[in-house]
Amino acid sequence: MALNSLIEIRQRDAGADAGGQPLKTFNTVVASLWAEIRHPSGVEQVRAGAQVSVVQASIKVRRRDGITPGMRAVHGSAVYDIRAVLPDEIERINMFLVCDRLP
């Protein structure tokens, strides 16, 4: 498949709220990249006493420094939490972002 989806990689905004807690917003854009997004699986989980669906995704992008777990990938209205960054050991020009899609 081709890298045919334009995504933004965002990091958590620096700073704290009025209560001293770290900000929970991700507005700082680290990069805009062409990507291939695949949804290989989804699972049902119980979180905080409620059943939720978790859609997992693998996002293939060109290899790039500075993308780390904890950042987010945004494609249109879809938002993905990046859980892991894996190198492509075969072609060595790409990397894979292992993500959970946020509801």
Protein backbone atom coordinates (compact mmCIF):
# COMPACT_ATOMS: atom_id res chain seq x y z
CA MET A 1 0.00 0.00 0.00
CA ALA A 2 0.99 3.60 -0.51
CA LEU A 3 1.61 6.35 1.99
CA ASN A 4 -1.61 8.17 1.06
CA SER A 5 -2.95 9.64 4.31
CA LEU A 6 -1.63 12.96 5.61
CA ILE A 7 -1.25 12.88 9.41
CA GLU A 8 0.00 15.28 12.05
CA ILE A 9 2.21 14.11 14.90
CA ARG A 10 1.42 16.11 18.04
CA GLN A 11 3.04 16.25 21.45
CA ARG A 12 1.53 17.13 24.81
CA ASP A 13 1.53 20.87 25.47
CA ALA A 14 4.02 22.03 28.09
CA GLY A 15 2.88 23.64 31.30
CA ALA A 16 0.32 23.04 34.00
CA ASP A 17 -3.28 23.99 34.70
CA ALA A 18 -4.43 26.18 37.61
CA GLY A 19 -4.31 23.15 39.93
CA GLY A 20 -0.69 22.38 39.03
CA GLN A 21 -1.57 19.29 36.96
CA PRO A 22 0.20 18.78 33.60
CA LEU A 23 -1.85 19.94 30.62
CA LYS A 24 -3.76 17.19 28.82
CA THR A 25 -3.88 18.93 25.44
CA PHE A 26 -1.95 17.93 22.33
CA ASN A 27 -1.83 21.02 20.11
CA THR A 28 1.90 21.29 19.37
CA VAL A 29 2.53 19.86 15.90
CA VAL A 30 5.88 18.05 15.66
CA ALA A 31 5.51 16.98 12.01
CA SER A 32 3.10 16.49 9.11
CA LEU A 33 3.77 13.18 7.38
CA TRP A 34 2.32 10.96 4.69
CA ALA A 35 1.28 7.64 6.17
CA GLU A 36 -0.40 4.32 5.57
CA ILE A 37 -2.97 3.57 8.29
CA ARG A 38 -4.13 0.02 8.97
CA HIS A 39 -6.58 -1.23 11.57
CA PRO A 40 -5.59 -4.87 12.14
CA SER A 41 -7.72 -5.43 15.24
CA GLY A 42 -10.10 -4.14 17.84
CA VAL A 43 -10.87 -5.40 21.32
CA GLU A 44 -13.45 -4.88 24.04
CA GLN A 45 -12.09 -3.83 27.43
CA VAL A 46 -13.49 -2.77 30.76
CA ARG A 47 -12.13 0.58 31.93
CA ALA A 48 -13.36 2.34 35.05
CA GLY A 49 -16.24 -0.11 35.26
CA ALA A 50 -17.50 0.51 31.72
CA GLN A 51 -17.02 -1.62 28.63
CA VAL A 52 -15.25 0.23 25.83
CA SER A 53 -14.06 -0.70 22.36
CA VAL A 54 -10.37 -0.20 21.60
CA VAL A 55 -9.39 -0.02 17.94
CA GLN A 56 -5.72 -0.73 17.39
CA ALA A 57 -3.84 0.72 14.44
CA SER A 58 -0.49 0.41 12.74
CA ILE A 59 0.66 3.59 11.03
CA LYS A 60 3.54 3.31 8.57
CA VAL A 61 5.59 6.48 7.96
CA ARG A 62 9.04 7.32 6.63
CA ARG A 63 11.71 6.93 9.29
CA ARG A 64 12.11 10.13 11.30
CA ASP A 65 13.78 11.12 14.57
CA GLY A 66 11.78 12.69 17.36
CA ILE A 67 8.59 10.61 17.32
CA THR A 68 8.11 8.86 20.66
CA PRO A 69 5.47 6.91 22.56
CA GLY A 70 3.05 9.25 24.32
CA MET A 71 2.63 11.51 21.29
CA ARG A 72 -0.49 11.46 19.14
CA ALA A 73 -1.14 10.98 15.44
CA VAL A 74 -4.11 12.87 13.99
CA HIS A 75 -5.77 12.06 10.66
CA GLY A 76 -8.85 14.17 10.01
CA SER A 77 -11.13 13.59 13.00
CA ALA A 78 -9.35 10.36 13.99
CA VAL A 79 -6.92 10.64 16.90
CA TYR A 80 -4.44 7.90 17.78
CA ASP A 81 -2.33 7.49 20.94
CA ILE A 82 1.14 6.31 19.94
CA ARG A 83 2.05 3.32 22.17
CA ALA A 84 5.28 2.20 20.47
CA VAL A 85 7.60 3.21 17.62
CA LEU A 86 9.06 0.25 15.73
CA PRO A 87 11.72 0.39 13.00
CA ASP A 88 11.17 -1.41 9.70
CA GLU A 89 14.07 -3.85 9.79
CA ILE A 90 13.48 -5.07 6.23
CA GLU A 91 13.40 -1.92 4.08
CA ARG A 92 15.02 0.36 6.71
CA ILE A 93 13.37 3.49 5.29
CA ASN A 94 10.10 3.31 7.23
CA MET A 95 8.90 2.90 10.79
CA PHE A 96 5.64 1.75 12.33
CA LEU A 97 3.64 3.58 14.97
CA VAL A 98 1.65 1.13 17.11
CA CYS A 99 -1.44 3.04 18.22
CA ASP A 100 -4.82 2.93 19.93
CA ARG A 101 -7.55 5.01 18.29
CA LEU A 102 -9.29 7.30 20.75
CA PRO A 103 -13.11 7.18 20.84
